Amino acid sequence: LRDLRGKRQLSMLRVTTLEEAEAAECAGIDMASVPTAMMLDP
């Protein structure tokens, strides 16, 4: 992330379901804010 500063803009979403997380992955989203419970879900 530090190396990408000034080279290109990164995209970030707040996702709250596994379906949203999977869609973000498929869409090429770089970063995601997630709820604690979802992060702890394998």
Full PDB file with SEQRES, HELIX, SHEET, SSBOND, CRYST1, ORIGX, SCALE, CONECT and MASTER records, all heavy atoms in Angstrom:
SEQRES   1 A   42  LEU ARG ASP LEU ARG GLY LYS ARG GLN LEU SER MET LEU          
SEQRES   2 A   42  ARG VAL THR THR LEU GLU GLU ALA GLU ALA ALA GLU CYS          
SEQRES   3 A   42  ALA GLY ILE ASP MET ALA SER VAL PRO THR ALA MET MET          
SEQRES   4 A   42  LEU ASP PRO                                                  
HELIX    1 AA1 LEU A   18  ALA A   27  1                                  10    
HELIX    2 AA2 THR A   36  LEU A   40  1                                   5    
SHEET    1 AA1 2 MET A  12  ARG A  14  0                                        
SHEET    2 AA1 2 MET A  31  SER A  33  1                                        
CRYST1    1.000    1.000    1.000  90.00  90.00  90.00 P 1           1          
ORIGX1      1.000000  0.000000  0.000000        0.00000                         
ORIGX2      0.000000  1.000000  0.000000        0.00000                         
ORIGX3      0.000000  0.000000  1.000000        0.00000                         
SCALE1      1.000000  0.000000  0.000000        0.00000                         
SCALE2      0.000000  1.000000  0.000000        0.00000                         
SCALE3      0.000000  0.000000  1.000000        0.00000                         
ATOM      1  N   LEU A   1       0.840  -1.205   0.000  1.00  0.00           N  
ATOM      2  CA  LEU A   1       0.000   0.000   0.000  1.00  0.00           C  
ATOM      3  C   LEU A   1       0.876   1.257   0.000  1.00  0.00           C  
ATOM      4  O   LEU A   1       0.599   2.214  -0.735  1.00  0.00           O  
ATOM      5  CB  LEU A   1      -0.926   0.006   1.216  1.00  0.00           C  
ATOM      6  CG  LEU A   1      -1.956  -1.121   1.329  1.00  0.00           C  
ATOM      7  CD1 LEU A   1      -2.915  -0.831   2.477  1.00  0.00           C  
ATOM      8  CD2 LEU A   1      -2.726  -1.322   0.040  1.00  0.00           C  
ATOM      9  N   ARG A   2       1.906   1.234   0.801  1.00  0.00           N  
ATOM     10  CA  ARG A   2       2.804   2.399   0.836  1.00  0.00           C  
ATOM     11  C   ARG A   2       3.467   2.623  -0.516  1.00  0.00           C  
ATOM     12  O   ARG A   2       3.611   3.754  -0.980  1.00  0.00           O  
ATOM     13  CB  ARG A   2       3.859   2.187   1.918  1.00  0.00           C  
ATOM     14  CG  ARG A   2       3.326   2.367   3.335  1.00  0.00           C  
ATOM     15  CD  ARG A   2       4.355   1.976   4.376  1.00  0.00           C  
ATOM     16  NE  ARG A   2       3.973   2.441   5.706  1.00  0.00           N  
ATOM     17  CZ  ARG A   2       4.514   1.981   6.828  1.00  0.00           C  
ATOM     18  NH1 ARG A   2       5.460   1.054   6.785  1.00  0.00           N  
ATOM     19  NH2 ARG A   2       4.113   2.452   7.995  1.00  0.00           N  
ATOM     20  N   ASP A   3       3.856   1.533  -1.158  1.00  0.00           N  
ATOM     21  CA  ASP A   3       4.524   1.649  -2.458  1.00  0.00           C  
ATOM     22  C   ASP A   3       3.584   2.159  -3.550  1.00  0.00           C  
ATOM     23  O   ASP A   3       4.045   2.708  -4.559  1.00  0.00           O  
ATOM     24  CB  ASP A   3       5.094   0.288  -2.873  1.00  0.00           C  
ATOM     25  CG  ASP A   3       6.280  -0.132  -2.016  1.00  0.00           C  
ATOM     26  OD1 ASP A   3       6.839   0.727  -1.310  1.00  0.00           O  
ATOM     27  OD2 ASP A   3       6.615  -1.338  -2.042  1.00  0.00           O  
ATOM     28  N   LEU A   4       2.279   1.962  -3.354  1.00  0.00           N  
ATOM     29  CA  LEU A   4       1.303   2.389  -4.364  1.00  0.00           C  
ATOM     30  C   LEU A   4       0.872   3.845  -4.203  1.00  0.00           C  
ATOM     31  O   LEU A   4       0.157   4.375  -5.057  1.00  0.00           O  
ATOM     32  CB  LEU A   4       0.064   1.481  -4.306  1.00  0.00           C  
ATOM     33  CG  LEU A   4       0.238   0.086  -4.901  1.00  0.00           C  
ATOM     34  CD1 LEU A   4      -0.930  -0.820  -4.519  1.00  0.00           C  
ATOM     35  CD2 LEU A   4       0.378   0.173  -6.411  1.00  0.00           C  
ATOM     36  N   ARG A   5       1.295   4.463  -3.114  1.00  0.00           N  
ATOM     37  CA  ARG A   5       0.949   5.874  -2.904  1.00  0.00           C  
ATOM     38  C   ARG A   5       1.404   6.711  -4.094  1.00  0.00           C  
ATOM     39  O   ARG A   5       2.573   6.687  -4.478  1.00  0.00           O  
ATOM     40  CB  ARG A   5       1.611   6.416  -1.639  1.00  0.00           C  
ATOM     41  CG  ARG A   5       0.966   5.993  -0.347  1.00  0.00           C  
ATOM     42  CD  ARG A   5       1.854   6.286   0.856  1.00  0.00           C  
ATOM     43  NE  ARG A   5       2.528   7.561   0.755  1.00  0.00           N  
ATOM     44  CZ  ARG A   5       2.293   8.630   1.531  1.00  0.00           C  
ATOM     45  NH1 ARG A   5       1.383   8.551   2.475  1.00  0.00           N  
ATOM     46  NH2 ARG A   5       2.963   9.744   1.385  1.00  0.00           N  
ATOM     47  N   GLY A   6       0.475   7.462  -4.681  1.00  0.00           N  
ATOM     48  CA  GLY A   6       0.794   8.342  -5.792  1.00  0.00           C  
ATOM     49  C   GLY A   6       0.895   7.657  -7.130  1.00  0.00           C  
ATOM     50  O   GLY A   6       1.076   8.320  -8.158  1.00  0.00           O  
ATOM     51  N   LYS A   7       0.775   6.324  -7.164  1.00  0.00           N  
ATOM     52  CA  LYS A   7       0.864   5.591  -8.435  1.00  0.00           C  
ATOM     53  C   LYS A   7      -0.513   5.285  -9.000  1.00  0.00           C  
ATOM     54  O   LYS A   7      -0.738   5.368 -10.198  1.00  0.00           O  
ATOM     55  CB  LYS A   7       1.659   4.299  -8.241  1.00  0.00           C  
ATOM     56  CG  LYS A   7       3.116   4.560  -7.899  1.00  0.00           C  
ATOM     57  CD  LYS A   7       3.882   3.266  -7.729  1.00  0.00           C  
ATOM     58  CE  LYS A   7       5.348   3.538  -7.387  1.00  0.00           C  
ATOM     59  NZ  LYS A   7       6.099   2.278  -7.147  1.00  0.00           N  
ATOM     60  N   ARG A   8      -1.422   4.879  -8.144  1.00  0.00           N  
ATOM     61  CA  ARG A   8      -2.817   4.690  -8.565  1.00  0.00           C  
ATOM     62  C   ARG A   8      -3.724   4.767  -7.351  1.00  0.00           C  
ATOM     63  O   ARG A   8      -3.286   4.522  -6.220  1.00  0.00           O  
ATOM     64  CB  ARG A   8      -3.023   3.376  -9.288  1.00  0.00           C  
ATOM     65  CG  ARG A   8      -3.015   2.110  -8.416  1.00  0.00           C  
ATOM     66  CD  ARG A   8      -3.492   0.925  -9.214  1.00  0.00           C  
ATOM     67  NE  ARG A   8      -3.447  -0.330  -8.479  1.00  0.00           N  
ATOM     68  CZ  ARG A   8      -4.450  -0.795  -7.719  1.00  0.00           C  
ATOM     69  NH1 ARG A   8      -5.558  -0.083  -7.570  1.00  0.00           N  
ATOM     70  NH2 ARG A   8      -4.334  -1.965  -7.098  1.00  0.00           N  
ATOM     71  N   GLN A   9      -4.980   5.111  -7.581  1.00  0.00           N  
ATOM     72  CA  GLN A   9      -5.962   5.135  -6.511  1.00  0.00           C  
ATOM     73  C   GLN A   9      -6.437   3.710  -6.225  1.00  0.00           C  
ATOM     74  O   GLN A   9      -6.675   2.917  -7.143  1.00  0.00           O  
ATOM     75  CB  GLN A   9      -7.163   5.985  -6.920  1.00  0.00           C  
ATOM     76  CG  GLN A   9      -6.872   7.477  -6.991  1.00  0.00           C  
ATOM     77  CD  GLN A   9      -7.099   8.151  -5.646  1.00  0.00           C  
ATOM     78  OE1 GLN A   9      -8.182   8.135  -5.088  1.00  0.00           O  
ATOM     79  NE2 GLN A   9      -6.055   8.779  -5.147  1.00  0.00           N  
ATOM     80  N   LEU A  10      -6.565   3.377  -4.955  1.00  0.00           N  
ATOM     81  CA  LEU A  10      -7.106   2.082  -4.565  1.00  0.00           C  
ATOM     82  C   LEU A  10      -8.578   2.231  -4.205  1.00  0.00           C  
ATOM     83  O   LEU A  10      -9.023   3.320  -3.800  1.00  0.00           O  
ATOM     84  CB  LEU A  10      -6.330   1.497  -3.387  1.00  0.00           C  
ATOM     85  CG  LEU A  10      -5.056   0.707  -3.753  1.00  0.00           C  
ATOM     86  CD1 LEU A  10      -3.978   1.627  -4.330  1.00  0.00           C  
ATOM     87  CD2 LEU A  10      -4.522  -0.046  -2.547  1.00  0.00           C  
ATOM     88  N   SER A  11      -9.315   1.151  -4.338  1.00  0.00           N  
ATOM     89  CA  SER A  11     -10.747   1.141  -4.018  1.00  0.00           C  
ATOM     90  C   SER A  11     -10.968   0.398  -2.705  1.00  0.00           C  
ATOM     91  O   SER A  11     -10.307  -0.607  -2.419  1.00  0.00           O  
ATOM     92  CB  SER A  11     -11.534   0.466  -5.137  1.00  0.00           C  
ATOM     93  OG  SER A  11     -11.034  -0.843  -5.386  1.00  0.00           O  
ATOM     94  N   MET A  12     -11.918   0.896  -1.921  1.00  0.00           N  
ATOM     95  CA  MET A  12     -12.223   0.276  -0.632  1.00  0.00           C  
ATOM     96  C   MET A  12     -13.725   0.333  -0.387  1.00  0.00           C  
ATOM     97  O   MET A  12     -14.383   1.345  -0.671  1.00  0.00           O  
ATOM     98  CB  MET A  12     -11.477   0.994   0.500  1.00  0.00           C  
ATOM     99  CG  MET A  12     -11.694   0.386   1.880  1.00  0.00           C  
ATOM    100  SD  MET A  12     -10.594   1.140   3.123  1.00  0.00           S  
ATOM    101  CE  MET A  12     -11.051   0.225   4.590  1.00  0.00           C  
ATOM    102  N   LEU A  13     -14.285  -0.756   0.130  1.00  0.00           N  
ATOM    103  CA  LEU A  13     -15.706  -0.834   0.456  1.00  0.00           C  
ATOM    104  C   LEU A  13     -15.893  -1.322   1.886  1.00  0.00           C  
ATOM    105  O   LEU A  13     -15.081  -2.100   2.400  1.00  0.00           O  
ATOM    106  CB  LEU A  13     -16.428  -1.809  -0.472  1.00  0.00           C  
ATOM    107  CG  LEU A  13     -16.676  -1.392  -1.918  1.00  0.00           C  
ATOM    108  CD1 LEU A  13     -17.247  -2.564  -2.695  1.00  0.00           C  
ATOM    109  CD2 LEU A  13     -17.617  -0.197  -1.981  1.00  0.00           C  
ATOM    110  N   ARG A  14     -16.979  -0.888   2.499  1.00  0.00           N  
ATOM    111  CA  ARG A  14     -17.444  -1.493   3.743  1.00  0.00           C  
ATOM    112  C   ARG A  14     -18.413  -2.598   3.346  1.00  0.00           C  
ATOM    113  O   ARG A  14     -19.457  -2.324   2.747  1.00  0.00           O  
ATOM    114  CB  ARG A  14     -18.151  -0.462   4.628  1.00  0.00           C  
ATOM    115  CG  ARG A  14     -18.868  -1.048   5.856  1.00  0.00           C  
ATOM    116  CD  ARG A  14     -17.905  -1.549   6.903  1.00  0.00           C  
ATOM    117  NE  ARG A  14     -18.603  -1.964   8.125  1.00  0.00           N  
ATOM    118  CZ  ARG A  14     -18.002  -2.446   9.217  1.00  0.00           C  
ATOM    119  NH1 ARG A  14     -16.691  -2.555   9.229  1.00  0.00           N  
ATOM    120  NH2 ARG A  14     -18.697  -2.796  10.271  1.00  0.00           N  
ATOM    121  N   VAL A  15     -18.048  -3.850   3.624  1.00  0.00           N  
ATOM    122  CA  VAL A  15     -18.913  -4.979   3.300  1.00  0.00           C  
ATOM    123  C   VAL A  15     -19.316  -5.663   4.593  1.00  0.00           C  
ATOM    124  O   VAL A  15     -18.521  -5.755   5.533  1.00  0.00           O  
ATOM    125  CB  VAL A  15     -18.225  -5.969   2.343  1.00  0.00           C  
ATOM    126  CG1 VAL A  15     -17.922  -5.303   1.009  1.00  0.00           C  
ATOM    127  CG2 VAL A  15     -16.940  -6.532   2.940  1.00  0.00           C  
ATOM    128  N   THR A  16     -20.536  -6.160   4.639  1.00  0.00           N  
ATOM    129  CA  THR A  16     -21.044  -6.724   5.890  1.00  0.00           C  
ATOM    130  C   THR A  16     -21.570  -8.147   5.742  1.00  0.00           C  
ATOM    131  O   THR A  16     -22.023  -8.727   6.731  1.00  0.00           O  
ATOM    132  CB  THR A  16     -22.165  -5.836   6.462  1.00  0.00           C  
ATOM    133  OG1 THR A  16     -23.208  -5.695   5.483  1.00  0.00           O  
ATOM    134  CG2 THR A  16     -21.633  -4.452   6.833  1.00  0.00           C  
ATOM    135  N   THR A  17     -21.540  -8.709   4.535  1.00  0.00           N  
ATOM    136  CA  THR A  17     -21.972 -10.088   4.334  1.00  0.00           C  
ATOM    137  C   THR A  17     -20.931 -10.815   3.490  1.00  0.00           C  
ATOM    138  O   THR A  17     -20.148 -10.196   2.766  1.00  0.00           O  
ATOM    139  CB  THR A  17     -23.328 -10.164   3.613  1.00  0.00           C  
ATOM    140  OG1 THR A  17     -23.174  -9.698   2.260  1.00  0.00           O  
ATOM    141  CG2 THR A  17     -24.390  -9.327   4.331  1.00  0.00           C  
ATOM    142  N   LEU A  18     -20.951 -12.134   3.570  1.00  0.00           N  
ATOM    143  CA  LEU A  18     -20.029 -12.923   2.763  1.00  0.00           C  
ATOM    144  C   LEU A  18     -20.320 -12.752   1.272  1.00  0.00           C  
ATOM    145  O   LEU A  18     -19.399 -12.788   0.450  1.00  0.00           O  
ATOM    146  CB  LEU A  18     -20.121 -14.401   3.156  1.00  0.00           C  
ATOM    147  CG  LEU A  18     -19.564 -14.759   4.541  1.00  0.00           C  
ATOM    148  CD1 LEU A  18     -19.830 -16.218   4.861  1.00  0.00           C  
ATOM    149  CD2 LEU A  18     -18.067 -14.458   4.625  1.00  0.00           C  
ATOM    150  N   GLU A  19     -21.601 -12.545   0.944  1.00  0.00           N  
ATOM    151  CA  GLU A  19     -21.953 -12.332  -0.461  1.00  0.00           C  
ATOM    152  C   GLU A  19     -21.327 -11.038  -0.979  1.00  0.00           C  
ATOM    153  O   GLU A  19     -20.809 -10.992  -2.104  1.00  0.00           O  
ATOM    154  CB  GLU A  19     -23.473 -12.293  -0.631  1.00  0.00           C  
ATOM    155  CG  GLU A  19     -24.182 -13.608  -0.400  1.00  0.00           C  
ATOM    156  CD  GLU A  19     -24.401 -13.935   1.073  1.00  0.00           C  
ATOM    157  OE1 GLU A  19     -24.116 -13.080   1.932  1.00  0.00           O  
ATOM    158  OE2 GLU A  19     -24.851 -15.057   1.359  1.00  0.00           O  
ATOM    159  N   GLU A  20     -21.368  -9.997  -0.162  1.00  0.00           N  
ATOM    160  CA  GLU A  20     -20.738  -8.738  -0.556  1.00  0.00           C  
ATOM    161  C   GLU A  20     -19.222  -8.891  -0.652  1.00  0.00           C  
ATOM    162  O   GLU A  20     -18.588  -8.350  -1.568  1.00  0.00           O  
ATOM    163  CB  GLU A  20     -21.100  -7.635   0.434  1.00  0.00           C  
ATOM    164  CG  GLU A  20     -22.553  -7.194   0.361  1.00  0.00           C  
ATOM    165  CD  GLU A  20     -22.901  -6.135   1.389  1.00  0.00           C  
ATOM    166  OE1 GLU A  20     -22.072  -5.849   2.276  1.00  0.00           O  
ATOM    167  OE2 GLU A  20     -24.026  -5.595   1.307  1.00  0.00           O  
ATOM    168  N   ALA A  21     -18.637  -9.631   0.291  1.00  0.00           N  
ATOM    169  CA  ALA A  21     -17.194  -9.843   0.268  1.00  0.00           C  
ATOM    170  C   ALA A  21     -16.780 -10.598  -0.988  1.00  0.00           C  
ATOM    171  O   ALA A  21     -15.782 -10.247  -1.642  1.00  0.00           O  
ATOM    172  CB  ALA A  21     -16.757 -10.617   1.519  1.00  0.00           C  
ATOM    173  N   GLU A  22     -17.539 -11.610  -1.356  1.00  0.00           N  
ATOM    174  CA  GLU A  22     -17.217 -12.386  -2.556  1.00  0.00           C  
ATOM    175  C   GLU A  22     -17.359 -11.530  -3.808  1.00  0.00           C  
ATOM    176  O   GLU A  22     -16.520 -11.599  -4.717  1.00  0.00           O  
ATOM    177  CB  GLU A  22     -18.132 -13.602  -2.654  1.00  0.00           C  
ATOM    178  CG  GLU A  22     -17.828 -14.500  -3.840  1.00  0.00           C  
ATOM    179  CD  GLU A  22     -18.717 -15.724  -3.891  1.00  0.00           C  
ATOM    180  OE1 GLU A  22     -19.819 -15.701  -3.300  1.00  0.00           O  
ATOM    181  OE2 GLU A  22     -18.315 -16.718  -4.527  1.00  0.00           O  
ATOM    182  N   ALA A  23     -18.409 -10.697  -3.848  1.00  0.00           N  
ATOM    183  CA  ALA A  23     -18.602  -9.812  -4.997  1.00  0.00           C  
ATOM    184  C   ALA A  23     -17.459  -8.809  -5.095  1.00  0.00           C  
ATOM    185  O   ALA A  23     -16.974  -8.500  -6.194  1.00  0.00           O  
ATOM    186  CB  ALA A  23     -19.944  -9.088  -4.891  1.00  0.00           C  
ATOM    187  N   ALA A  24     -17.012  -8.292  -3.947  1.00  0.00           N  
ATOM    188  CA  ALA A  24     -15.897  -7.343  -3.947  1.00  0.00           C  
ATOM    189  C   ALA A  24     -14.624  -8.007  -4.466  1.00  0.00           C  
ATOM    190  O   ALA A  24     -13.863  -7.416  -5.238  1.00  0.00           O  
ATOM    191  CB  ALA A  24     -15.678  -6.799  -2.539  1.00  0.00           C  
ATOM    192  N   GLU A  25     -14.394  -9.238  -4.048  1.00  0.00           N  
ATOM    193  CA  GLU A  25     -13.238  -9.996  -4.534  1.00  0.00           C  
ATOM    194  C   GLU A  25     -13.306 -10.163  -6.052  1.00  0.00           C  
ATOM    195  O   GLU A  25     -12.332  -9.892  -6.769  1.00  0.00           O  
ATOM    196  CB  GLU A  25     -13.196 -11.366  -3.855  1.00  0.00           C  
ATOM    197  CG  GLU A  25     -12.144 -12.320  -4.386  1.00  0.00           C  
ATOM    198  CD  GLU A  25     -10.745 -12.015  -3.880  1.00  0.00           C  
ATOM    199  OE1 GLU A  25     -10.609 -11.370  -2.830  1.00  0.00           O  
ATOM    200  OE2 GLU A  25      -9.781 -12.443  -4.549  1.00  0.00           O  
ATOM    201  N   CYS A  26     -14.466 -10.593  -6.548  1.00  0.00           N  
ATOM    202  CA  CYS A  26     -14.624 -10.824  -7.986  1.00  0.00           C  
ATOM    203  C   CYS A  26     -14.498  -9.529  -8.783  1.00  0.00           C  
ATOM    204  O   CYS A  26     -14.053  -9.539  -9.934  1.00  0.00           O  
ATOM    205  CB  CYS A  26     -15.974 -11.484  -8.263  1.00  0.00           C  
ATOM    206  SG  CYS A  26     -16.118 -13.169  -7.627  1.00  0.00           S  
ATOM    207  N   ALA A  27     -14.899  -8.415  -8.170  1.00  0.00           N  
ATOM    208  CA  ALA A  27     -14.870  -7.123  -8.857  1.00  0.00           C  
ATOM    209  C   ALA A  27     -13.492  -6.477  -8.842  1.00  0.00           C  
ATOM    210  O   ALA A  27     -13.291  -5.454  -9.497  1.00  0.00           O  
ATOM    211  CB  ALA A  27     -15.891  -6.181  -8.226  1.00  0.00           C  
ATOM    212  N   GLY A  28     -12.559  -7.032  -8.084  1.00  0.00           N  
ATOM    213  CA  GLY A  28     -11.222  -6.458  -8.026  1.00  0.00           C  
ATOM    214  C   GLY A  28     -11.073  -5.314  -7.046  1.00  0.00           C  
ATOM    215  O   GLY A  28     -10.138  -4.509  -7.164  1.00  0.00           O  
ATOM    216  N   ILE A  29     -11.961  -5.229  -6.051  1.00  0.00           N  
ATOM    217  CA  ILE A  29     -11.823  -4.210  -5.006  1.00  0.00           C  
ATOM    218  C   ILE A  29     -10.540  -4.489  -4.217  1.00  0.00           C  
ATOM    219  O   ILE A  29     -10.236  -5.632  -3.876  1.00  0.00           O  
ATOM    220  CB  ILE A  29     -13.053  -4.231  -4.071  1.00  0.00           C  
ATOM    221  CG1 ILE A  29     -14.331  -3.881  -4.848  1.00  0.00           C  
ATOM    222  CG2 ILE A  29     -12.855  -3.277  -2.897  1.00  0.00           C  
ATOM    223  CD1 ILE A  29     -14.348  -2.498  -5.454  1.00  0.00           C  
ATOM    224  N   ASP A  30      -9.781  -3.445  -3.923  1.00  0.00           N  
ATOM    225  CA  ASP A  30      -8.481  -3.617  -3.272  1.00  0.00           C  
ATOM    226  C   ASP A  30      -8.578  -3.879  -1.771  1.00  0.00           C  
ATOM    227  O   ASP A  30      -7.849  -4.714  -1.233  1.00  0.00           O  
ATOM    228  CB  ASP A  30      -7.622  -2.359  -3.475  1.00  0.00           C  
ATOM    229  CG  ASP A  30      -7.291  -2.118  -4.938  1.00  0.00           C  
ATOM    230  OD1 ASP A  30      -6.614  -2.969  -5.540  1.00  0.00           O  
ATOM    231  OD2 ASP A  30      -7.726  -1.068  -5.477  1.00  0.00           O  
ATOM    232  N   MET A  31      -9.466  -3.117  -1.104  1.00  0.00           N  
ATOM    233  CA  MET A  31      -9.502  -3.135   0.351  1.00  0.00           C  
ATOM    234  C   MET A  31     -10.951  -3.213   0.823  1.00  0.00           C  
ATOM    235  O   MET A  31     -11.860  -2.767   0.122  1.00  0.00           O  
ATOM    236  CB  MET A  31      -8.853  -1.866   0.922  1.00  0.00           C  
ATOM    237  CG  MET A  31      -7.451  -1.605   0.427  1.00  0.00           C  
ATOM    238  SD  MET A  31      -6.855   0.052   0.916  1.00  0.00           S  
ATOM    239  CE  MET A  31      -6.751  -0.146   2.699  1.00  0.00           C  
ATOM    240  N   ALA A  32     -11.141  -3.746   2.030  1.00  0.00           N  
ATOM    241  CA  ALA A  32     -12.489  -3.806   2.580  1.00  0.00           C  
ATOM    242  C   ALA A  32     -12.450  -3.618   4.088  1.00  0.00           C  
ATOM    243  O   ALA A  32     -11.588  -4.171   4.772  1.00  0.00           O  
ATOM    244  CB  ALA A  32     -13.162  -5.129   2.242  1.00  0.00           C  
ATOM    245  N   SER A  33     -13.390  -2.828   4.564  1.00  0.00           N  
ATOM    246  CA  SER A  33     -13.665  -2.742   5.989  1.00  0.00           C  
ATOM    247  C   SER A  33     -14.737  -3.783   6.289  1.00  0.00           C  
ATOM    248  O   SER A  33     -15.734  -3.878   5.560  1.00  0.00           O  
ATOM    249  CB  SER A  33     -14.167  -1.338   6.337  1.00  0.00           C  
ATOM    250  OG  SER A  33     -14.753  -1.312   7.624  1.00  0.00           O  
ATOM    251  N   VAL A  34     -14.528  -4.569   7.341  1.00  0.00           N  
ATOM    252  CA  VAL A  34     -15.454  -5.678   7.621  1.00  0.00           C  
ATOM    253  C   VAL A  34     -15.807  -5.714   9.105  1.00  0.00           C  
ATOM    254  O   VAL A  34     -15.014  -5.290   9.951  1.00  0.00           O  
ATOM    255  CB  VAL A  34     -14.839  -7.033   7.197  1.00  0.00           C  
ATOM    256  CG1 VAL A  34     -14.517  -7.034   5.710  1.00  0.00           C  
ATOM    257  CG2 VAL A  34     -13.588  -7.356   7.995  1.00  0.00           C  
ATOM    258  N   PRO A  35     -16.989  -6.236   9.441  1.00  0.00           N  
ATOM    259  CA  PRO A  35     -17.333  -6.401  10.852  1.00  0.00           C  
ATOM    260  C   PRO A  35     -16.455  -7.465  11.502  1.00  0.00           C  
ATOM    261  O   PRO A  35     -15.962  -8.382  10.834  1.00  0.00           O  
ATOM    262  CB  PRO A  35     -18.800  -6.867  10.805  1.00  0.00           C  
ATOM    263  CG  PRO A  35     -19.268  -6.598   9.414  1.00  0.00           C  
ATOM    264  CD  PRO A  35     -18.071  -6.656   8.538  1.00  0.00           C  
ATOM    265  N   THR A  36     -16.295  -7.353  12.799  1.00  0.00           N  
ATOM    266  CA  THR A  36     -15.477  -8.313  13.542  1.00  0.00           C  
ATOM    267  C   THR A  36     -15.933  -9.743  13.326  1.00  0.00           C  
ATOM    268  O   THR A  36     -15.128 -10.640  13.044  1.00  0.00           O  
ATOM    269  CB  THR A  36     -15.502  -7.976  15.044  1.00  0.00           C  
ATOM    270  OG1 THR A  36     -14.924  -6.688  15.249  1.00  0.00           O  
ATOM    271  CG2 THR A  36     -14.745  -9.003  15.855  1.00  0.00           C  
ATOM    272  N   ALA A  37     -17.245  -9.977  13.466  1.00  0.00           N  
ATOM    273  CA  ALA A  37     -17.763 -11.344  13.380  1.00  0.00           C  
ATOM    274  C   ALA A  37     -17.466 -11.973  12.028  1.00  0.00           C  
ATOM    275  O   ALA A  37     -17.147 -13.168  11.947  1.00  0.00           O  
ATOM    276  CB  ALA A  37     -19.265 -11.348  13.655  1.00  0.00           C  
ATOM    277  N   MET A  38     -17.553 -11.193  10.971  1.00  0.00           N  
ATOM    278  CA  MET A  38     -17.293 -11.752   9.643  1.00  0.00           C  
ATOM    279  C   MET A  38     -15.816 -12.058   9.458  1.00  0.00           C  
ATOM    280  O   MET A  38     -15.449 -13.055   8.833  1.00  0.00           O  
ATOM    281  CB  MET A  38     -17.790 -10.805   8.556  1.00  0.00           C  
ATOM    282  CG  MET A  38     -17.837 -11.466   7.179  1.00  0.00           C  
ATOM    283  SD  MET A  38     -18.823 -10.549   5.987  1.00  0.00           S  
ATOM    284  CE  MET A  38     -17.698  -9.228   5.554  1.00  0.00           C  
ATOM    285  N   MET A  39     -14.949 -11.215  10.011  1.00  0.00           N  
ATOM    286  CA  MET A  39     -13.510 -11.473   9.902  1.00  0.00           C  
ATOM    287  C   MET A  39     -13.145 -12.757  10.629  1.00  0.00           C  
ATOM    288  O   MET A  39     -12.236 -13.496  10.200  1.00  0.00           O  
ATOM    289  CB  MET A  39     -12.737 -10.294  10.495  1.00  0.00           C  
ATOM    290  CG  MET A  39     -11.235 -10.344  10.292  1.00  0.00           C  
ATOM    291  SD  MET A  39     -10.735  -9.988   8.591  1.00  0.00           S  
ATOM    292  CE  MET A  39     -10.062 -11.561   8.095  1.00  0.00           C  
ATOM    293  N   LEU A  40     -13.827 -13.054  11.718  1.00  0.00           N  
ATOM    294  CA  LEU A  40     -13.541 -14.255  12.494  1.00  0.00           C  
ATOM    295  C   LEU A  40     -14.134 -15.515  11.883  1.00  0.00           C  
ATOM    296  O   LEU A  40     -13.817 -16.626  12.310  1.00  0.00           O  
ATOM    297  CB  LEU A  40     -14.056 -14.083  13.935  1.00  0.00           C  
ATOM    298  CG  LEU A  40     -13.364 -13.001  14.762  1.00  0.00           C  
ATOM    299  CD1 LEU A  40     -14.068 -12.833  16.110  1.00  0.00           C  
ATOM    300  CD2 LEU A  40     -11.886 -13.311  14.962  1.00  0.00           C  
ATOM    301  N   ASP A  41     -14.994 -15.350  10.892  1.00  0.00           N  
ATOM    302  CA  ASP A  41     -15.619 -16.488  10.210  1.00  0.00           C  
ATOM    303  C   ASP A  41     -14.611 -17.062   9.202  1.00  0.00           C  
ATOM    304  O   ASP A  41     -14.177 -16.355   8.290  1.00  0.00           O  
ATOM    305  CB  ASP A  41     -16.885 -16.021   9.493  1.00  0.00           C  
ATOM    306  CG  ASP A  41     -17.654 -17.161   8.840  1.00  0.00           C  
ATOM    307  OD1 ASP A  41     -17.092 -18.264   8.686  1.00  0.00           O  
ATOM    308  OD2 ASP A  41     -18.814 -16.939   8.467  1.00  0.00           O  
ATOM    309  N   PRO A  42     -14.220 -18.336   9.322  1.00  0.00           N  
ATOM    310  CA  PRO A  42     -13.259 -18.911   8.373  1.00  0.00           C  
ATOM    311  C   PRO A  42     -13.715 -18.819   6.918  1.00  0.00           C  
ATOM    312  O   PRO A  42     -12.883 -18.837   6.007  1.00  0.00           O  
ATOM    313  CB  PRO A  42     -13.158 -20.375   8.825  1.00  0.00           C  
ATOM    314  CG  PRO A  42     -13.561 -20.365  10.265  1.00  0.00           C  
ATOM    315  CD  PRO A  42     -14.599 -19.287  10.376  1.00  0.00           C  
TER     316      PRO A  42                                                      
MASTER        0    0    0    2    2    0    0    6  315    1    0    4          
END                                                                             
